[in-house]
Amino acid sequence: MRLEAIPGRGGSRLATNVNFHFKGQVAVVTGGSMGIGGAAVRAFAEAGATTVIADLDEKRGRSLEDELRKEGKDVHFFPVDVGSDEQMKRLMEQAHALRGRLDFLYNNAGVAIAGEAVETSDEDWHKVLNINLGGVFRGCKYAIPYMRKQGKGSIVNCSSTQALNGFMGWAAYSASKGGILAFTRQAAVQYAGQGVRINAVAPGTIMTPMNEKIFEEVDDPEALIRLWNDAHPIGRFGQPEEIADLVLYLCSDAASFITGQTFVADGGQSVRGE
């Protein structure tokens, strides 16, 4: 059984649209070395943006940087731990220094540690909240001052359908992703009058390295793939590029009247009524 949701899909379909030309603008993607983050990096770069790959994994980050530079893209890798206030402050300073501006931020970095409430350690709880929710907070904290100074900017925060629906065995992860939605709404209201738009995406099951690892670790991956496919009325998983296109749209002027909203991309899973 193929794991690819859309065989042959590569790159962003929006990058060639006149509304999505970001040349001369700067985009930062945390967790940008692979998966949805990697697809977002490629989408911004294809749209002409000076694009920052921000990630803890230096090997993967440098590899993607080299790959895209060979294609003529203006990309820059900066190592960062989104759980560190100091490192996030420095990241935004480095990004702004590239062109004297900071236009787009996609807060994508995150971790997933499974466990229901009674079996989740205090250490794991704080780790997930610090990276997933704290990383979004720090990204906004240090990007917004640059954006409001220039009078315009767009931020997209990565939540999850687990923020909207109960899933067995993911206490800390669900809490962190729910917190992102509340924070997004508050920040959107706070900074809308200063030209900064802030929205959230809530992906469902996307074929990322994280999910591929889950399939590799179970006894019957084919059965799990069928089960997860059947959970989606659309009949398949999503691809990272499909979320990247949504992020690109929300950052563009085509979405200039949209802020404080959550965009669910889950193949109909959350509305199937079962």
C-alpha atoms as a PDB file:
ATOM      1  CA  MET A   1       0.000   0.000   0.000  1.00  0.00           C
ATOM      2  CA  ARG A   2       1.383   3.392  -0.978  1.00  0.00           C
ATOM      3  CA  LEU A   3       1.916   5.941   1.780  1.00  0.00           C
ATOM      4  CA  GLU A   4       1.890   8.896  -0.622  1.00  0.00           C
ATOM      5  CA  ALA A   5      -1.413  10.745  -0.540  1.00  0.00           C
ATOM      6  CA  ILE A   6      -0.986  12.382  -3.944  1.00  0.00           C
ATOM      7  CA  PRO A   7       1.550  10.542  -6.121  1.00  0.00           C
ATOM      8  CA  GLY A   8       3.763  12.861  -8.129  1.00  0.00           C
ATOM      9  CA  ARG A   9       2.948  15.944  -6.068  1.00  0.00           C
ATOM     10  CA  GLY A  10       5.955  18.205  -5.622  1.00  0.00           C
ATOM     11  CA  GLY A  11       6.280  21.805  -4.520  1.00  0.00           C
ATOM     12  CA  SER A  12       3.642  24.453  -4.022  1.00  0.00           C
ATOM     13  CA  ARG A  13       0.822  25.005  -6.498  1.00  0.00           C
ATOM     14  CA  LEU A  14       0.391  28.582  -5.277  1.00  0.00           C
ATOM     15  CA  ALA A  15       3.956  29.805  -5.696  1.00  0.00           C
ATOM     16  CA  THR A  16       3.426  30.631  -9.384  1.00  0.00           C
ATOM     17  CA  ASN A  17       0.237  32.620  -8.731  1.00  0.00           C
ATOM     18  CA  VAL A  18       0.609  36.403  -8.956  1.00  0.00           C
ATOM     19  CA  ASN A  19      -0.960  36.790  -5.493  1.00  0.00           C
ATOM     20  CA  PHE A  20       1.803  34.689  -3.966  1.00  0.00           C
ATOM     21  CA  HIS A  21       4.940  36.447  -5.137  1.00  0.00           C
ATOM     22  CA  PHE A  22       7.023  37.173  -2.028  1.00  0.00           C
ATOM     23  CA  LYS A  23      10.244  38.406  -3.607  1.00  0.00           C
ATOM     24  CA  GLY A  24      12.065  40.845  -1.324  1.00  0.00           C
ATOM     25  CA  GLN A  25      10.190  39.577   1.737  1.00  0.00           C
ATOM     26  CA  VAL A  26      11.486  37.405   4.582  1.00  0.00           C
ATOM     27  CA  ALA A  27       9.825  34.265   5.919  1.00  0.00           C
ATOM     28  CA  VAL A  28      10.806  32.202   8.960  1.00  0.00           C
ATOM     29  CA  VAL A  29       9.732  28.571   9.414  1.00  0.00           C
ATOM     30  CA  THR A  30      10.461  26.847  12.718  1.00  0.00           C
ATOM     31  CA  GLY A  31      10.790  23.096  12.572  1.00  0.00           C
ATOM     32  CA  GLY A  32      11.622  23.766   8.947  1.00  0.00           C
ATOM     33  CA  SER A  33      13.976  20.925   8.093  1.00  0.00           C
ATOM     34  CA  MET A  34      11.396  18.275   7.161  1.00  0.00           C
ATOM     35  CA  GLY A  35       7.719  17.325   7.052  1.00  0.00           C
ATOM     36  CA  ILE A  36       5.197  20.163   6.961  1.00  0.00           C
ATOM     37  CA  GLY A  37       7.904  22.641   7.925  1.00  0.00           C
ATOM     38  CA  GLY A  38      10.145  21.519   5.096  1.00  0.00           C
ATOM     39  CA  ALA A  39       7.271  21.801   2.621  1.00  0.00           C
ATOM     40  CA  ALA A  40       6.530  25.318   3.902  1.00  0.00           C
ATOM     41  CA  VAL A  41      10.173  26.325   3.473  1.00  0.00           C
ATOM     42  CA  ARG A  42      10.085  25.125  -0.114  1.00  0.00           C
ATOM     43  CA  ALA A  43       6.764  26.904  -0.767  1.00  0.00           C
ATOM     44  CA  PHE A  44       8.017  30.245   0.537  1.00  0.00           C
ATOM     45  CA  ALA A  45      11.283  29.871  -1.366  1.00  0.00           C
ATOM     46  CA  GLU A  46       9.479  29.004  -4.608  1.00  0.00           C
ATOM     47  CA  ALA A  47       7.343  32.110  -4.117  1.00  0.00           C
ATOM     48  CA  GLY A  48      10.517  34.191  -4.048  1.00  0.00           C
ATOM     49  CA  ALA A  49      10.849  34.874  -0.335  1.00  0.00           C
ATOM     50  CA  THR A  50      14.139  34.976   1.488  1.00  0.00           C
ATOM     51  CA  THR A  51      13.400  31.957   3.634  1.00  0.00           C
ATOM     52  CA  VAL A  52      14.832  30.937   6.995  1.00  0.00           C
ATOM     53  CA  ILE A  53      14.997  27.272   7.922  1.00  0.00           C
ATOM     54  CA  ALA A  54      14.965  27.260  11.725  1.00  0.00           C
ATOM     55  CA  ASP A  55      15.461  23.867  13.316  1.00  0.00           C
ATOM     56  CA  LEU A  56      17.222  21.984  16.094  1.00  0.00           C
ATOM     57  CA  ASP A  57      18.366  19.319  13.603  1.00  0.00           C
ATOM     58  CA  GLU A  58      21.399  20.924  11.988  1.00  0.00           C
ATOM     59  CA  LYS A  59      22.163  18.000   9.674  1.00  0.00           C
ATOM     60  CA  ARG A  60      18.697  18.003   8.090  1.00  0.00           C
ATOM     61  CA  GLY A  61      18.544  21.786   8.070  1.00  0.00           C
ATOM     62  CA  ARG A  62      21.872  22.177   6.278  1.00  0.00           C
ATOM     63  CA  SER A  63      20.905  19.473   3.807  1.00  0.00           C
ATOM     64  CA  LEU A  64      17.674  21.251   2.844  1.00  0.00           C
ATOM     65  CA  GLU A  65      19.521  24.572   2.662  1.00  0.00           C
ATOM     66  CA  ASP A  66      22.068  23.070   0.245  1.00  0.00           C
ATOM     67  CA  GLU A  67      19.357  21.429  -1.852  1.00  0.00           C
ATOM     68  CA  LEU A  68      17.344  24.621  -2.293  1.00  0.00           C
ATOM     69  CA  ARG A  69      20.365  26.828  -2.894  1.00  0.00           C
ATOM     70  CA  LYS A  70      21.365  24.539  -5.764  1.00  0.00           C
ATOM     71  CA  GLU A  71      17.944  25.355  -7.223  1.00  0.00           C
ATOM     72  CA  GLY A  72      18.722  29.061  -6.947  1.00  0.00           C
ATOM     73  CA  LYS A  73      16.549  29.712  -3.891  1.00  0.00           C
ATOM     74  CA  ASP A  74      17.458  32.310  -1.259  1.00  0.00           C
ATOM     75  CA  VAL A  75      17.403  30.167   1.886  1.00  0.00           C
ATOM     76  CA  HIS A  76      19.312  30.331   5.166  1.00  0.00           C
ATOM     77  CA  PHE A  77      19.575  27.747   7.925  1.00  0.00           C
ATOM     78  CA  PHE A  78      19.812  28.903  11.539  1.00  0.00           C
ATOM     79  CA  PRO A  79      19.953  26.305  14.336  1.00  0.00           C
ATOM     80  CA  VAL A  80      17.458  27.003  17.107  1.00  0.00           C
ATOM     81  CA  ASP A  81      15.768  25.429  20.093  1.00  0.00           C
ATOM     82  CA  VAL A  82      12.284  26.969  20.235  1.00  0.00           C
ATOM     83  CA  GLY A  83      12.207  26.123  23.940  1.00  0.00           C
ATOM     84  CA  SER A  84      14.900  28.737  24.546  1.00  0.00           C
ATOM     85  CA  ASP A  85      13.903  32.370  24.920  1.00  0.00           C
ATOM     86  CA  GLU A  86      17.432  33.554  24.150  1.00  0.00           C
ATOM     87  CA  GLN A  87      17.731  31.460  20.990  1.00  0.00           C
ATOM     88  CA  MET A  88      14.356  32.561  19.643  1.00  0.00           C
ATOM     89  CA  LYS A  89      15.252  36.201  20.193  1.00  0.00           C
ATOM     90  CA  ARG A  90      18.491  35.673  18.298  1.00  0.00           C
ATOM     91  CA  LEU A  91      16.697  33.822  15.497  1.00  0.00           C
ATOM     92  CA  MET A  92      14.398  36.759  14.783  1.00  0.00           C
ATOM     93  CA  GLU A  93      17.342  39.155  14.922  1.00  0.00           C
ATOM     94  CA  GLN A  94      19.220  37.029  12.380  1.00  0.00           C
ATOM     95  CA  ALA A  95      16.186  36.754  10.113  1.00  0.00           C
ATOM     96  CA  HIS A  96      15.503  40.487  10.223  1.00  0.00           C
ATOM     97  CA  ALA A  97      19.151  41.261   9.471  1.00  0.00           C
ATOM     98  CA  LEU A  98      18.973  39.411   6.137  1.00  0.00           C
ATOM     99  CA  ARG A  99      16.943  42.158   4.443  1.00  0.00           C
ATOM    100  CA  GLY A 100      16.092  44.630   7.174  1.00  0.00           C
ATOM    101  CA  ARG A 101      12.569  43.267   7.499  1.00  0.00           C
ATOM    102  CA  LEU A 102      10.536  40.289   8.753  1.00  0.00           C
ATOM    103  CA  ASP A 103       7.284  39.559   6.935  1.00  0.00           C
ATOM    104  CA  PHE A 104       6.136  36.011   7.653  1.00  0.00           C
ATOM    105  CA  LEU A 105       6.465  33.505  10.477  1.00  0.00           C
ATOM    106  CA  TYR A 106       5.210  29.951  10.443  1.00  0.00           C
ATOM    107  CA  ASN A 107       5.451  28.539  13.982  1.00  0.00           C
ATOM    108  CA  ASN A 108       5.623  24.862  13.077  1.00  0.00           C
ATOM    109  CA  ALA A 109       8.119  23.267  15.482  1.00  0.00           C
ATOM    110  CA  GLY A 110       6.694  20.744  17.896  1.00  0.00           C
ATOM    111  CA  VAL A 111       7.039  17.409  19.664  1.00  0.00           C
ATOM    112  CA  ALA A 112       4.540  14.647  20.374  1.00  0.00           C
ATOM    113  CA  ILE A 113       4.782  12.519  23.505  1.00  0.00           C
ATOM    114  CA  ALA A 114       1.943  10.057  23.949  1.00  0.00           C
ATOM    115  CA  GLY A 115       0.287   9.346  27.273  1.00  0.00           C
ATOM    116  CA  GLU A 116      -2.985   9.845  29.114  1.00  0.00           C
ATOM    117  CA  ALA A 117      -3.037  12.240  32.054  1.00  0.00           C
ATOM    118  CA  VAL A 118      -2.460   9.665  34.801  1.00  0.00           C
ATOM    119  CA  GLU A 119       0.616   8.208  33.076  1.00  0.00           C
ATOM    120  CA  THR A 120       2.225  11.444  31.818  1.00  0.00           C
ATOM    121  CA  SER A 121       5.230  12.523  33.856  1.00  0.00           C
ATOM    122  CA  ASP A 122       5.574  16.102  35.007  1.00  0.00           C
ATOM    123  CA  GLU A 123       8.762  16.294  32.935  1.00  0.00           C
ATOM    124  CA  ASP A 124       7.043  15.186  29.726  1.00  0.00           C
ATOM    125  CA  TRP A 125       4.095  17.519  30.356  1.00  0.00           C
ATOM    126  CA  HIS A 126       6.340  20.550  30.712  1.00  0.00           C
ATOM    127  CA  LYS A 127       8.519  19.528  27.749  1.00  0.00           C
ATOM    128  CA  VAL A 128       5.563  19.314  25.370  1.00  0.00           C
ATOM    129  CA  LEU A 129       4.007  22.561  26.623  1.00  0.00           C
ATOM    130  CA  ASN A 130       7.336  24.398  26.554  1.00  0.00           C
ATOM    131  CA  ILE A 131       8.144  23.419  22.961  1.00  0.00           C
ATOM    132  CA  ASN A 132       4.706  23.352  21.330  1.00  0.00           C
ATOM    133  CA  LEU A 133       2.979  26.254  23.075  1.00  0.00           C
ATOM    134  CA  GLY A 134       6.039  28.046  24.405  1.00  0.00           C
ATOM    135  CA  GLY A 135       7.689  27.954  20.991  1.00  0.00           C
ATOM    136  CA  VAL A 136       4.696  29.688  19.427  1.00  0.00           C
ATOM    137  CA  PHE A 137       4.678  32.277  22.212  1.00  0.00           C
ATOM    138  CA  ARG A 138       8.383  33.031  21.794  1.00  0.00           C
ATOM    139  CA  GLY A 139       8.132  33.178  18.011  1.00  0.00           C
ATOM    140  CA  CYS A 140       5.363  35.755  18.217  1.00  0.00           C
ATOM    141  CA  LYS A 141       7.028  37.627  21.074  1.00  0.00           C
ATOM    142  CA  TYR A 142      10.141  38.328  19.042  1.00  0.00           C
ATOM    143  CA  ALA A 143       8.710  38.562  15.510  1.00  0.00           C
ATOM    144  CA  ILE A 144       5.803  40.925  16.176  1.00  0.00           C
ATOM    145  CA  PRO A 145       7.931  43.968  17.124  1.00  0.00           C
ATOM    146  CA  TYR A 146       9.595  43.888  13.696  1.00  0.00           C
ATOM    147  CA  MET A 147       6.281  43.384  11.909  1.00  0.00           C
ATOM    148  CA  ARG A 148       4.394  46.156  13.657  1.00  0.00           C
ATOM    149  CA  LYS A 149       7.301  48.550  13.151  1.00  0.00           C
ATOM    150  CA  GLN A 150       7.051  48.021   9.392  1.00  0.00           C
ATOM    151  CA  GLY A 151       3.235  48.149   9.627  1.00  0.00           C
ATOM    152  CA  LYS A 152       2.573  44.715   8.187  1.00  0.00           C
ATOM    153  CA  GLY A 153       3.203  41.038   8.836  1.00  0.00           C
ATOM    154  CA  SER A 154       1.552  37.644   8.973  1.00  0.00           C
ATOM    155  CA  ILE A 155       1.993  34.776  11.409  1.00  0.00           C
ATOM    156  CA  VAL A 156       0.597  31.264  11.127  1.00  0.00           C
ATOM    157  CA  ASN A 157       0.691  28.948  14.146  1.00  0.00           C
ATOM    158  CA  CYS A 158       0.520  25.181  13.734  1.00  0.00           C
ATOM    159  CA  SER A 159      -2.092  23.558  15.956  1.00  0.00           C
ATOM    160  CA  SER A 160      -3.806  20.208  15.316  1.00  0.00           C
ATOM    161  CA  THR A 161      -7.230  18.614  15.083  1.00  0.00           C
ATOM    162  CA  GLN A 162      -6.379  17.233  18.515  1.00  0.00           C
ATOM    163  CA  ALA A 163      -7.069  20.746  19.802  1.00  0.00           C
ATOM    164  CA  LEU A 164     -10.663  20.392  18.610  1.00  0.00           C
ATOM    165  CA  ASN A 165     -11.530  16.749  19.246  1.00  0.00           C
ATOM    166  CA  GLY A 166     -10.707  14.276  21.994  1.00  0.00           C
ATOM    167  CA  PHE A 167      -8.104  11.667  21.065  1.00  0.00           C
ATOM    168  CA  MET A 168      -7.222   8.797  23.383  1.00  0.00           C
ATOM    169  CA  GLY A 169      -3.755   8.886  24.915  1.00  0.00           C
ATOM    170  CA  TRP A 170      -2.459  12.364  24.027  1.00  0.00           C
ATOM    171  CA  ALA A 171      -3.016  14.546  27.102  1.00  0.00           C
ATOM    172  CA  ALA A 172      -0.050  16.912  26.922  1.00  0.00           C
ATOM    173  CA  TYR A 173      -0.046  17.178  23.130  1.00  0.00           C
ATOM    174  CA  SER A 174      -3.764  18.017  22.965  1.00  0.00           C
ATOM    175  CA  ALA A 175      -3.413  20.590  25.741  1.00  0.00           C
ATOM    176  CA  SER A 176      -0.495  22.279  23.980  1.00  0.00           C
ATOM    177  CA  LYS A 177      -2.310  22.450  20.653  1.00  0.00           C
ATOM    178  CA  GLY A 178      -5.481  23.790  22.290  1.00  0.00           C
ATOM    179  CA  GLY A 179      -3.446  26.472  23.983  1.00  0.00           C
ATOM    180  CA  ILE A 180      -2.078  27.538  20.605  1.00  0.00           C
ATOM    181  CA  LEU A 181      -5.608  28.282  19.364  1.00  0.00           C
ATOM    182  CA  ALA A 182      -6.467  30.405  22.411  1.00  0.00           C
ATOM    183  CA  PHE A 183      -3.179  32.277  22.157  1.00  0.00           C
ATOM    184  CA  THR A 184      -3.705  32.838  18.415  1.00  0.00           C
ATOM    185  CA  ARG A 185      -7.113  34.430  18.985  1.00  0.00           C
ATOM    186  CA  GLN A 186      -5.826  36.694  21.750  1.00  0.00           C
ATOM    187  CA  ALA A 187      -2.757  37.807  19.811  1.00  0.00           C
ATOM    188  CA  ALA A 188      -4.806  38.399  16.655  1.00  0.00           C
ATOM    189  CA  VAL A 189      -7.043  40.842  18.506  1.00  0.00           C
ATOM    190  CA  GLN A 190      -4.078  42.455  20.248  1.00  0.00           C
ATOM    191  CA  TYR A 191      -2.108  43.234  17.097  1.00  0.00           C
ATOM    192  CA  ALA A 192      -4.665  43.496  14.292  1.00  0.00           C
ATOM    193  CA  GLY A 193      -4.706  47.287  14.537  1.00  0.00           C
ATOM    194  CA  GLN A 194      -0.946  47.346  14.044  1.00  0.00           C
ATOM    195  CA  GLY A 195      -1.007  45.504  10.736  1.00  0.00           C
ATOM    196  CA  VAL A 196      -0.113  42.045  12.038  1.00  0.00           C
ATOM    197  CA  ARG A 197      -2.402  39.150  11.126  1.00  0.00           C
ATOM    198  CA  ILE A 198      -2.209  35.931  13.152  1.00  0.00           C
ATOM    199  CA  ASN A 199      -3.997  32.703  12.224  1.00  0.00           C
ATOM    200  CA  ALA A 200      -3.712  29.000  12.954  1.00  0.00           C
ATOM    201  CA  VAL A 201      -3.823  25.813  10.927  1.00  0.00           C
ATOM    202  CA  ALA A 202      -5.073  22.558  12.415  1.00  0.00           C
ATOM    203  CA  PRO A 203      -3.818  19.654  10.307  1.00  0.00           C
ATOM    204  CA  GLY A 204      -5.252  16.190  10.588  1.00  0.00           C
ATOM    205  CA  THR A 205      -3.240  13.094   9.680  1.00  0.00           C
ATOM    206  CA  ILE A 206      -0.421  14.203   7.404  1.00  0.00           C
ATOM    207  CA  MET A 207       2.204  11.900   5.925  1.00  0.00           C
ATOM    208  CA  THR A 208       5.192  13.264   7.796  1.00  0.00           C
ATOM    209  CA  PRO A 209       8.358  11.510   9.069  1.00  0.00           C
ATOM    210  CA  MET A 210       6.724  11.492  12.519  1.00  0.00           C
ATOM    211  CA  ASN A 211       3.792   9.416  11.272  1.00  0.00           C
ATOM    212  CA  GLU A 212       5.983   7.249   9.073  1.00  0.00           C
ATOM    213  CA  LYS A 213       7.910   6.319  12.207  1.00  0.00           C
ATOM    214  CA  ILE A 214       4.662   5.241  13.877  1.00  0.00           C
ATOM    215  CA  PHE A 215       3.932   2.891  10.967  1.00  0.00           C
ATOM    216  CA  GLU A 216       7.429   1.432  11.177  1.00  0.00           C
ATOM    217  CA  GLU A 217       7.015   0.615  14.857  1.00  0.00           C
ATOM    218  CA  VAL A 218       3.668  -1.244  14.781  1.00  0.00           C
ATOM    219  CA  ASP A 219       3.282  -4.977  14.104  1.00  0.00           C
ATOM    220  CA  ASP A 220       0.893  -4.553  11.174  1.00  0.00           C
ATOM    221  CA  PRO A 221       1.537  -1.214   9.423  1.00  0.00           C
ATOM    222  CA  GLU A 222      -0.734  -2.087   6.498  1.00  0.00           C
ATOM    223  CA  ALA A 223      -3.701  -2.556   8.848  1.00  0.00           C
ATOM    224  CA  LEU A 224      -2.986   0.747  10.599  1.00  0.00           C
ATOM    225  CA  ILE A 225      -2.703   2.547   7.263  1.00  0.00           C
ATOM    226  CA  ARG A 226      -6.090   1.158   6.191  1.00  0.00           C
ATOM    227  CA  LEU A 227      -7.624   2.143   9.542  1.00  0.00           C
ATOM    228  CA  TRP A 228      -6.319   5.701   9.303  1.00  0.00           C
ATOM    229  CA  ASN A 229      -7.311   6.014   5.661  1.00  0.00           C
ATOM    230  CA  ASP A 230     -10.848   4.883   6.470  1.00  0.00           C
ATOM    231  CA  ALA A 231     -11.086   7.550   9.184  1.00  0.00           C
ATOM    232  CA  HIS A 232     -10.932  10.240   6.485  1.00  0.00           C
ATOM    233  CA  PRO A 233     -14.030  10.724   4.298  1.00  0.00           C
ATOM    234  CA  ILE A 234     -11.677  11.914   1.566  1.00  0.00           C
ATOM    235  CA  GLY A 235     -10.120   8.451   1.708  1.00  0.00           C
ATOM    236  CA  ARG A 236      -6.450   9.287   2.270  1.00  0.00           C
ATOM    237  CA  PHE A 237      -3.909  11.095   4.393  1.00  0.00           C
ATOM    238  CA  GLY A 238      -2.820  14.628   3.682  1.00  0.00           C
ATOM    239  CA  GLN A 239       0.523  15.610   2.215  1.00  0.00           C
ATOM    240  CA  PRO A 240       2.826  18.232   3.785  1.00  0.00           C
ATOM    241  CA  GLU A 241       2.530  20.356   0.630  1.00  0.00           C
ATOM    242  CA  GLU A 242      -1.220  20.685   1.158  1.00  0.00           C
ATOM    243  CA  ILE A 243      -0.656  22.316   4.546  1.00  0.00           C
ATOM    244  CA  ALA A 244       2.173  24.437   3.136  1.00  0.00           C
ATOM    245  CA  ASP A 245      -0.170  25.816   0.466  1.00  0.00           C
ATOM    246  CA  LEU A 246      -2.643  26.810   3.185  1.00  0.00           C
ATOM    247  CA  VAL A 247       0.113  28.559   5.128  1.00  0.00           C
ATOM    248  CA  LEU A 248       1.213  30.380   1.982  1.00  0.00           C
ATOM    249  CA  TYR A 249      -2.357  31.559   1.350  1.00  0.00           C
ATOM    250  CA  LEU A 250      -2.795  32.842   4.921  1.00  0.00           C
ATOM    251  CA  CYS A 251       0.452  34.797   4.687  1.00  0.00           C
ATOM    252  CA  SER A 252      -0.468  36.357   1.347  1.00  0.00           C
ATOM    253  CA  ASP A 253      -2.473  39.476   0.574  1.00  0.00           C
ATOM    254  CA  ALA A 254      -5.213  37.175  -0.708  1.00  0.00           C
ATOM    255  CA  ALA A 255      -6.008  36.612   2.983  1.00  0.00           C
ATOM    256  CA  SER A 256      -5.672  40.265   3.991  1.00  0.00           C
ATOM    257  CA  PHE A 257      -9.074  40.357   5.760  1.00  0.00           C
ATOM    258  CA  ILE A 258      -8.472  37.165   7.752  1.00  0.00           C
ATOM    259  CA  THR A 259      -7.068  37.097  11.275  1.00  0.00           C
ATOM    260  CA  GLY A 260      -7.659  35.141  14.483  1.00  0.00           C
ATOM    261  CA  GLN A 261      -9.042  32.139  12.627  1.00  0.00           C
ATOM    262  CA  THR A 262      -8.344  28.409  12.716  1.00  0.00           C
ATOM    263  CA  PHE A 263      -8.230  26.545   9.411  1.00  0.00           C
ATOM    264  CA  VAL A 264      -8.813  22.796   9.692  1.00  0.00           C
ATOM    265  CA  ALA A 265      -7.243  20.596   7.011  1.00  0.00           C
ATOM    266  CA  ASP A 266      -8.103  16.998   7.851  1.00  0.00           C
ATOM    267  CA  GLY A 267      -9.827  15.416   4.857  1.00  0.00           C
ATOM    268  CA  GLY A 268     -13.220  15.704   6.560  1.00  0.00           C
ATOM    269  CA  GLN A 269     -12.247  13.576   9.558  1.00  0.00           C
ATOM    270  CA  SER A 270     -13.563  16.046  12.151  1.00  0.00           C
ATOM    271  CA  VAL A 271     -17.006  16.384  10.553  1.00  0.00           C
ATOM    272  CA  ARG A 272     -17.824  12.803   9.636  1.00  0.00           C
ATOM    273  CA  GLY A 273     -20.310  12.543  12.525  1.00  0.00           C
ATOM    274  CA  GLU A 274     -19.329   9.129  13.836  1.00  0.00           C
END
